[in-house]
Every structure is written in structure tokens, then in C-alpha cells.
Protein backbone atom coordinates (compact mmCIF):
# COMPACT_ATOMS: atom_id res chain seq x y z
CA GLN A 1 -27.81 1.57 -107.52
CA ASN A 2 -26.25 1.52 -104.10
CA ASP A 3 -23.96 4.44 -103.44
CA GLY A 4 -22.22 2.72 -100.59
CA GLY A 5 -23.95 4.77 -97.93
CA GLN A 6 -25.48 1.81 -96.13
CA ASN A 7 -24.36 -1.28 -94.33
CA GLY A 8 -26.85 -3.72 -95.72
CA GLY A 9 -25.40 -6.60 -93.60
CA GLY A 10 -27.16 -9.90 -93.31
CA GLN A 11 -26.02 -11.45 -96.56
CA ASN A 12 -23.53 -14.23 -96.13
CA ASP A 13 -20.50 -13.55 -98.29
CA GLY A 14 -19.81 -17.26 -98.37
CA GLY A 15 -23.35 -18.23 -99.34
CA GLN A 16 -23.50 -18.68 -103.08
CA ASN A 17 -26.67 -18.62 -105.12
CA GLY A 18 -26.05 -20.83 -108.10
CA GLY A 19 -29.49 -20.13 -109.52
CA GLN A 20 -28.15 -18.02 -112.34
CA ASP A 21 -25.37 -20.01 -113.87
CA GLY A 22 -24.01 -17.90 -116.67
CA GLY A 23 -20.72 -19.76 -116.75
CA GLY A 24 -19.72 -21.28 -120.03
CA GLN A 25 -21.84 -19.09 -122.25
CA PRO A 26 -19.70 -17.78 -125.08
CA ASP A 27 -19.43 -14.02 -124.88
CA ASP A 28 -19.34 -11.68 -127.83
CA ASN A 29 -15.53 -11.71 -127.86
CA GLY A 30 -15.50 -15.20 -129.28
CA ASN A 31 -13.22 -16.47 -126.52
CA GLY A 32 -15.73 -18.78 -124.87
CA VAL A 33 -15.72 -16.83 -121.61
CA ALA A 34 -18.90 -15.36 -120.20
CA GLY A 35 -18.32 -11.65 -119.94
CA PRO A 36 -17.76 -8.89 -120.09
CA VAL A 37 -20.07 -7.79 -122.92
CA ALA A 38 -20.34 -4.49 -124.76
CA ASP A 39 -23.16 -3.30 -122.50
CA ASP A 40 -20.82 -3.56 -119.50
CA PHE A 41 -18.90 -0.51 -120.77
CA ILE A 42 -19.71 3.20 -120.97
CA LYS A 43 -17.81 6.24 -122.23
CA ILE A 44 -16.88 8.24 -119.15
CA GLU A 45 -18.16 11.36 -120.91
CA ASP A 46 -21.63 9.75 -120.91
CA VAL A 47 -21.65 9.36 -117.12
CA GLN A 48 -23.40 12.29 -115.48
CA PRO A 49 -21.28 14.21 -112.96
CA ASN A 50 -22.17 13.07 -109.46
CA SER A 51 -20.79 13.48 -105.97
CA ARG A 52 -20.83 9.82 -104.95
CA ASN A 53 -17.16 9.64 -104.11
CA LEU A 54 -16.67 12.50 -101.71
CA PRO A 55 -14.25 11.47 -98.95
CA ASN A 56 -16.00 9.42 -96.27
CA GLY A 57 -19.35 9.84 -97.98
CA LEU A 58 -19.50 13.36 -96.53
CA PRO A 59 -16.41 15.58 -96.33
CA ALA A 60 -15.27 16.93 -92.99
CA ASN A 61 -15.56 20.71 -93.16
CA GLY A 62 -14.04 23.50 -91.12
CA ASP A 63 -13.65 22.76 -87.43
CA SER A 64 -16.14 19.92 -87.29
CA GLY A 65 -15.03 16.34 -87.21
CA SER A 66 -11.60 14.82 -87.71
CA THR A 67 -10.08 16.26 -90.88
CA GLY A 68 -6.61 14.73 -91.06
CA THR A 69 -5.33 11.90 -93.26
CA PHE A 70 -2.74 9.15 -93.10
CA THR A 71 -1.40 7.65 -96.33
CA THR A 72 0.57 4.40 -96.32
CA ASP A 73 2.66 3.46 -99.38
CA CYS A 74 2.74 -0.29 -99.91
CA GLY A 75 3.61 -0.39 -103.62
CA THR A 76 1.74 -2.05 -106.48
CA ASN A 77 2.48 -5.74 -105.84
CA GLU A 78 6.00 -5.66 -107.24
CA ASN A 79 6.53 -9.05 -105.53
CA ASN A 80 3.84 -10.72 -107.67
CA LEU A 81 1.87 -12.01 -104.70
CA PHE A 82 -1.26 -13.55 -106.22
CA ASN A 83 -3.63 -16.31 -105.12
CA SER A 84 -7.28 -17.28 -105.41
CA ASP A 85 -7.82 -17.59 -101.64
CA ASN A 86 -9.78 -15.27 -99.38
CA LEU A 87 -8.52 -15.38 -95.81
CA ILE A 88 -11.47 -13.32 -94.53
CA ALA A 89 -14.40 -14.90 -96.38
CA ALA A 90 -13.08 -18.46 -96.70
CA PRO A 91 -10.30 -19.16 -94.18
CA GLY A 92 -8.75 -22.59 -94.54
CA VAL A 93 -10.18 -23.11 -98.03
CA GLY A 94 -7.75 -23.18 -100.93
CA ASN A 95 -9.16 -21.36 -103.99
CA GLY A 96 -11.97 -20.09 -101.77
CA ALA A 97 -12.37 -16.98 -103.91
CA HIS A 98 -12.52 -18.70 -107.32
CA HIS A 99 -10.80 -15.59 -108.66
CA VAL A 100 -7.33 -14.13 -108.20
CA HIS A 101 -6.44 -11.38 -105.73
CA ASP A 102 -3.70 -8.76 -105.92
CA TYR A 103 -1.94 -8.31 -102.55
CA VAL A 104 0.02 -5.38 -101.13
CA GLY A 105 1.27 -4.93 -97.60
CA ASN A 106 1.50 -8.23 -95.74
CA GLN A 107 3.50 -10.83 -97.66
CA ASP A 108 2.05 -13.95 -96.00
CA ASN A 109 -1.64 -13.82 -96.88
CA ASP A 110 -3.20 -17.06 -98.02
CA ALA A 111 -6.17 -19.12 -96.86
CA PHE A 112 -4.13 -20.78 -94.12
CA SER A 113 -2.45 -17.72 -92.56
CA SER A 114 -3.00 -17.30 -88.82
CA ASP A 115 -2.98 -13.93 -87.06
CA GLU A 116 0.46 -14.91 -85.76
CA ASP A 117 1.64 -15.57 -89.33
CA LEU A 118 0.40 -12.13 -90.37
CA ALA A 119 2.10 -10.46 -87.39
CA ASN A 120 5.43 -12.14 -88.17
CA ALA A 121 5.36 -11.59 -91.93
CA ASP A 122 7.31 -9.17 -94.08
CA THR A 123 5.50 -6.16 -95.51
CA SER A 124 5.74 -4.28 -98.79
CA CYS A 125 4.77 -1.06 -96.98
CA GLN A 126 7.45 1.60 -96.66
CA ASN A 127 6.43 2.04 -93.04
CA GLN A 128 7.51 -1.29 -91.60
CA GLY A 129 5.03 -0.88 -88.75
CA ASP A 130 2.24 -1.51 -91.26
CA LYS A 131 1.91 -5.25 -91.82
CA SER A 132 -1.75 -4.89 -92.77
CA THR A 133 -2.97 -6.85 -95.76
CA TYR A 134 -4.73 -4.98 -98.53
CA TYR A 135 -6.17 -7.06 -101.37
CA TRP A 136 -8.61 -6.85 -104.27
CA PRO A 137 -9.52 -8.91 -107.35
CA VAL A 138 -7.11 -8.42 -110.22
CA LEU A 139 -8.07 -6.71 -113.45
CA ARG A 140 -7.24 -8.58 -116.64
CA LEU A 141 -6.98 -7.54 -120.25
CA GLN A 142 -8.66 -10.17 -122.42
CA ASP A 143 -6.17 -9.82 -125.27
CA GLY A 144 -5.38 -13.50 -125.83
CA THR A 145 -2.43 -13.56 -123.42
CA GLU A 146 -1.99 -16.84 -121.55
CA GLU A 147 -1.26 -15.84 -117.96
CA PHE A 148 0.61 -18.08 -115.48
CA ASP A 149 -2.75 -19.37 -114.18
CA ALA A 150 -4.33 -19.98 -117.58
CA ASN A 151 -5.12 -23.60 -116.72
CA ASP A 152 -5.63 -23.23 -112.97
CA GLU A 153 -8.69 -23.13 -110.75
CA GLY A 154 -9.30 -19.50 -109.88
CA GLY A 155 -7.72 -18.55 -113.18
CA GLY A 156 -8.45 -19.64 -116.72
CA ALA A 157 -10.15 -22.88 -115.65
CA GLU A 158 -12.87 -20.73 -114.03
CA GLY A 159 -13.15 -18.14 -116.78
CA ASN A 160 -10.61 -15.62 -115.48
CA ILE A 161 -8.51 -15.24 -118.60
CA GLY A 162 -6.10 -12.74 -120.07
CA ARG A 163 -3.17 -10.66 -118.91
CA ILE A 164 -3.17 -9.56 -115.26
CA LEU A 165 -2.90 -5.79 -115.04
CA LYS A 166 -1.13 -4.37 -112.02
CA PRO A 167 -2.12 -0.88 -110.93
CA ALA A 168 0.19 1.93 -111.96
CA GLN A 169 -0.68 3.54 -108.62
CA ALA A 170 -2.21 2.15 -105.43
CA GLN A 171 -3.13 4.88 -102.95
CA LEU A 172 -4.06 3.66 -99.46
CA LYS A 173 -5.40 6.56 -97.41
CA PHE A 174 -7.08 6.67 -94.01
CA VAL A 175 -9.41 9.62 -93.33
CA GLY A 176 -11.57 10.84 -90.47
CA ASN A 177 -15.20 11.31 -89.56
CA LYS A 178 -17.37 14.35 -90.20
CA GLN A 179 -18.92 14.41 -86.74
CA GLY A 180 -16.02 13.82 -84.39
CA ASP A 181 -12.79 12.06 -83.53
CA VAL A 182 -11.92 8.53 -84.55
CA VAL A 183 -10.68 5.75 -82.27
CA ALA A 184 -8.01 3.16 -82.98
CA MET A 185 -8.85 0.06 -84.98
CA PRO A 186 -8.28 -3.19 -83.09
CA LYS A 187 -5.43 -5.32 -84.38
CA PHE A 188 -6.58 -8.00 -86.86
CA LEU A 189 -9.84 -6.17 -87.61
CA ARG A 190 -11.23 -7.59 -90.86
CA ILE A 191 -13.28 -5.54 -93.32
CA ILE A 192 -14.80 -6.54 -96.66
CA THR A 193 -16.38 -3.80 -98.73
CA GLY A 194 -18.47 -4.50 -101.80
CA ASP A 195 -19.92 -7.87 -102.76
CA ALA A 196 -18.17 -10.27 -105.13
CA LYS A 197 -21.56 -11.91 -105.76
CA SER A 198 -23.68 -8.79 -106.25
CA PHE A 199 -24.68 -9.67 -109.82
CA VAL A 200 -26.53 -12.71 -108.44
CA ASN A 201 -27.18 -11.52 -104.86
CA GLY A 202 -28.41 -8.06 -105.75
CA THR A 203 -26.77 -4.77 -104.89
CA ALA A 204 -27.54 -4.36 -101.16
CA ASN A 205 -23.87 -4.82 -100.28
CA ALA A 206 -22.37 -3.49 -103.52
CA ASN A 207 -19.85 -0.67 -103.13
CA THR A 208 -18.21 0.10 -106.46
CA SER A 209 -16.79 3.21 -108.06
CA TRP A 210 -15.25 3.21 -111.54
CA SER A 211 -13.93 6.33 -113.22
CA CYS A 212 -11.11 7.86 -115.28
CA THR A 213 -8.37 10.30 -114.31
CA GLY A 214 -9.49 13.81 -115.14
CA PHE A 215 -13.14 12.75 -114.83
CA GLU A 216 -13.35 11.75 -111.19
CA ASP A 217 -16.45 13.87 -110.64
CA ARG A 218 -18.13 11.11 -112.68
CA GLN A 219 -18.37 7.73 -110.95
CA SER A 220 -19.95 4.61 -112.44
CA THR A 221 -21.16 1.74 -110.27
CA ASP A 222 -22.30 -0.87 -112.78
CA LYS A 223 -20.30 -0.20 -115.97
CA TYR A 224 -16.61 -0.16 -116.79
CA PRO A 225 -15.44 3.25 -118.02
CA LEU A 226 -14.04 3.78 -121.50
CA CYS A 227 -11.43 6.47 -120.90
CA PRO A 228 -10.25 8.93 -123.58
CA GLU A 229 -6.64 8.97 -124.74
CA GLY A 230 -4.29 10.06 -121.98
CA SER A 231 -6.74 9.15 -119.21
CA GLN A 232 -6.35 6.16 -116.88
CA VAL A 233 -8.94 3.83 -115.34
CA VAL A 234 -9.61 4.47 -111.63
CA ARG A 235 -11.14 2.01 -109.12
CA THR A 236 -12.08 3.43 -105.72
CA SER A 237 -13.21 1.61 -102.58
CA ASN A 238 -14.32 3.63 -99.55
CA PHE A 239 -14.60 1.18 -96.67
CA GLN A 240 -17.11 1.01 -93.83
CA SER A 241 -15.75 3.19 -91.02
CA CYS A 242 -18.03 2.44 -88.05
CA TRP A 243 -17.01 -0.44 -85.76
CA ASP A 244 -19.15 -2.19 -83.15
CA GLY A 245 -16.42 -1.71 -80.54
CA GLN A 246 -16.12 -5.42 -79.77
CA ASN A 247 -15.58 -7.78 -82.69
CA ILE A 248 -12.77 -8.05 -85.23
CA ASP A 249 -15.02 -10.14 -87.50
CA SER A 250 -18.59 -11.47 -87.69
CA ALA A 251 -20.28 -14.54 -89.10
CA ASN A 252 -21.11 -12.86 -92.42
CA HIS A 253 -17.97 -10.67 -92.23
CA ARG A 254 -20.16 -7.54 -92.30
CA ASP A 255 -22.27 -7.08 -89.18
CA HIS A 256 -19.39 -5.86 -86.98
CA MET A 257 -18.95 -2.88 -89.34
CA ALA A 258 -21.26 -0.19 -90.71
CA PHE A 259 -21.15 2.78 -93.05
CA VAL A 260 -21.66 6.27 -91.68
CA GLN A 261 -25.22 7.61 -91.77
CA ALA A 262 -26.32 10.50 -93.98
CA ASP A 263 -25.08 13.11 -91.50
CA GLY A 264 -21.69 11.41 -91.19
CA SER A 265 -22.33 9.92 -87.76
CA CYS A 266 -22.10 6.24 -86.89
CA PRO A 267 -25.24 4.18 -86.11
CA ASN A 268 -26.12 3.53 -82.47
CA GLY A 269 -23.71 1.06 -80.93
CA PHE A 270 -20.92 1.84 -83.41
CA GLN A 271 -17.92 4.13 -83.11
CA ALA A 272 -15.91 5.91 -85.79
CA ILE A 273 -12.55 4.47 -86.82
CA PRO A 274 -10.20 5.70 -89.55
CA GLN A 275 -11.83 5.11 -92.93
CA LEU A 276 -9.70 3.27 -95.47
CA GLN A 277 -9.95 4.64 -99.00
CA VAL A 278 -8.26 2.55 -101.69
CA LYS A 279 -7.69 4.24 -105.05
CA LEU A 280 -6.22 2.11 -107.84
CA VAL A 281 -5.11 3.68 -111.13
CA TYR A 282 -4.45 1.59 -114.24
CA ASP A 283 -2.88 2.09 -117.65
CA ILE A 284 -5.28 0.15 -119.88
CA PRO A 285 -5.67 0.37 -123.65
CA THR A 286 -9.26 1.46 -124.24
CA PRO A 287 -11.41 -1.42 -125.56
CA THR A 288 -13.16 -0.88 -128.88
CA ILE A 289 -16.85 -1.53 -129.39
CA GLU A 290 -18.15 -2.17 -132.90
CA ASN A 291 -21.48 -3.64 -133.96
CA GLY A 292 -22.36 -4.48 -130.38
CA GLN A 293 -19.15 -6.39 -129.77
CA VAL A 294 -16.28 -5.41 -127.50
CA ARG A 295 -12.69 -6.15 -128.51
CA ASN A 296 -9.84 -6.53 -126.00
CA PRO A 297 -12.03 -5.77 -122.99
CA TYR A 298 -10.67 -5.45 -119.50
CA ALA A 299 -12.54 -7.01 -116.60
CA VAL A 300 -12.39 -7.69 -112.90
CA ASP A 301 -11.80 -11.32 -111.91
CA SER A 302 -14.99 -12.92 -110.62
CA PHE A 303 -16.80 -16.06 -109.59
CA PRO A 304 -17.87 -17.77 -112.85
CA GLU A 305 -21.59 -17.06 -112.42
CA GLN A 306 -20.93 -13.34 -111.84
CA LEU A 307 -19.92 -12.86 -115.51
CA HIS A 308 -17.17 -10.32 -114.70
CA LYS A 309 -19.76 -7.63 -114.05
CA PRO A 310 -18.24 -4.36 -112.74
CA ILE A 311 -20.80 -4.24 -109.90
CA THR A 312 -18.98 -7.25 -108.34
CA ASP A 313 -15.81 -5.28 -107.56
CA HIS A 314 -14.81 -5.48 -103.90
CA ASN A 315 -11.90 -4.85 -101.58
CA ASP A 316 -10.51 -6.50 -98.45
CA PHE A 317 -8.44 -5.34 -95.48
CA ILE A 318 -7.00 -6.83 -92.29
CA ASN A 319 -5.42 -4.35 -89.88
CA VAL A 320 -1.95 -5.49 -88.81
CA MET A 321 -0.49 -2.11 -87.87
CA ASP A 322 1.55 -2.09 -84.69
CA GLU A 323 0.06 -0.15 -81.79
CA GLN A 324 2.46 2.78 -82.13
CA LEU A 325 1.61 3.30 -85.80
CA MET A 326 -2.14 2.97 -85.27
CA ASN A 327 -1.96 5.59 -82.52
CA GLU A 328 -0.05 7.85 -84.91
CA VAL A 329 -2.74 7.35 -87.58
CA VAL A 330 -5.47 8.30 -85.10
CA GLU A 331 -3.55 11.33 -83.83
CA CYS A 332 -2.87 12.63 -87.36
CA ILE A 333 -6.54 12.32 -88.31
CA ASN A 334 -7.89 13.81 -85.09
CA THR A 335 -5.50 16.79 -85.16
CA GLY A 336 -6.17 17.64 -88.81
CA ARG A 337 -2.72 16.78 -90.16
CA ASP A 338 -1.87 15.04 -93.43
CA CYS A 339 0.68 12.36 -92.59
CA THR A 340 2.57 9.65 -94.44
């Protein structure tokens, strides 16, 4: 299992290996959709406590590093902005994701949005200087509900069925670096973390963390948590926070970014930028598992051949903060303040 502490680059996010075509196999829910299956779930109490999800991989302690934070509140997609595009991985391609994304922040993100479109768009963020786009695959509850996209490509026609679940909370926090100050992100910097095709590709670029409120010292990478009564499902994405200092994107959408190394420093040729940490909290009725079958499972939207595996979770970000706000973010982090 990859704990997210490496860059892994080199895999093309747009290059699809169709060698394992699991699409169309009936799952054990009897709904004709491949996945998830009972083995994709685990009781959170059965996950061993681990320290995978410490801030920034390694926490900034004492006087070392940049210890501040900046939190931006962009809501939970109250405007119902959904599409199955991916502007970073497949620009100009309608339904390029083959699964549906939840969008907060920038209100003009689709496959055909230009940087100018993003800069001129409205934002759902309380701080109007933040027109960044934050997006992730939706979670759905496979309870028999016919969603608006039940017959559409990217939706039910590609195996993404059930009721879309919006997060009850979406925390977007930027944190610092253990070893030193951070520098400003360039405008329109694009970052993908995790790999939507990691079930087929392998886990080199996977970066998943699933947990439950009250149990966040226990993080699962490859199974969905079954949370006890009163506890909510938590998805966390800690983004790469080392930038090559030159490029806002790269051919495989990864090589211009890197994770911090074990000691918290950036690899040679990279510099530390604010690290985006996305924490999504959901109210989800706990699925039941009986006789090896799961009833009313929840699952992340996925490419059909990825079978809704939890290891395929991923998160996407394009920085469209204005210069004044980005400078404020950097100053807050570098001076050890917690800002909103």
C-alpha cells in the first residue's frame, strides 16, 4: 500500500489499460453493476491505528518549518455543479472522466474552460479572491435511487448508479512545510493527487485515506470504512506540495509536482508550496453485510473497469486565487498563524 509519501510520476493519467475489463459483471448486490463487493468494506474498528494522515506527511514542530494554516470555505456544492469532464486530465473532451465530479469553488469548470474562463467565473468560496476549482469524484449510495444521470454517459450508462451524496462538510486547508518556508503557487497551477485507474494501473500513484469521525487515527487505503452509529465517513486527500518552480502542468499531469521526502524536505529541483488538504465528511447509512453480500453500499464513482474500488479515489485542484490572497496564504503559513 502506498501511503502517499512518494511522487511516483511517469504514469499517464490519460493512458487507460483496458486489459482487465470488469465492466458488466453483475456484483453481489444484484443490480448488474460491477462493484463494490463485500470485500471492499471493513469495520473501522478492525483497522489498526496508524499515523498515515499526519498533516503534510510529517507535522511541523516547534520553531522548525512553516507551521501556519489557511482554510478556505467554499461550501459543499450547494449549486449542484456536476459533470463527467476532467479539465486537467482530459481538456477539450466531453465525458473525459467517465465518472461524475463534485465541484466547489470555481463555477465554470468543464472540459472546455480556458484559464480566462476560470479567472472570470463566479466562485462558491466565501473569500471572493479564491476562484480556484476543487473537485473530486462523487460518492453514491446504491439504494435503487435513479439519479438525474441514470441513463447518461459518465453516470448510470457507465455503471455509476445510485443517489449522489454531497459531503456534509468540505474542509479545504492549506498547510506548511516541516523544513522551511513555502513560496506562492503560480496562478493556474494544476495538481492531481491519487489515481483514478489505480485498480488496473497499480498503486504507484494512489493516494487514498478513508476513515470515520472519532476514529481518524485509523486510515484505510484500499477498503471503504463501515462506521459505527453516530460516526461519519471521512475522505482525506493530502496533495503533493513540492513544485518544480517552472511548470503549471506536465504531460502526465504529475511530473511538475512531488511529495515531500521522509524528512519533510522537497526533492532536488523542487520548492515547497502550501499543501492542500481536502477533508470530506459524509452522513451515510452504514451498509450491511450478510452471507458475503453487501446491501445498500456506498461507492466512489469510477471508470467502469475500476469496479468502484476505494483505492481509485482521487482529487483535483487548479489554483485561481488572486495574487493578494495567495500572498496572504503564504504569509499566514510562514508566520505560524491560523487564518481563514
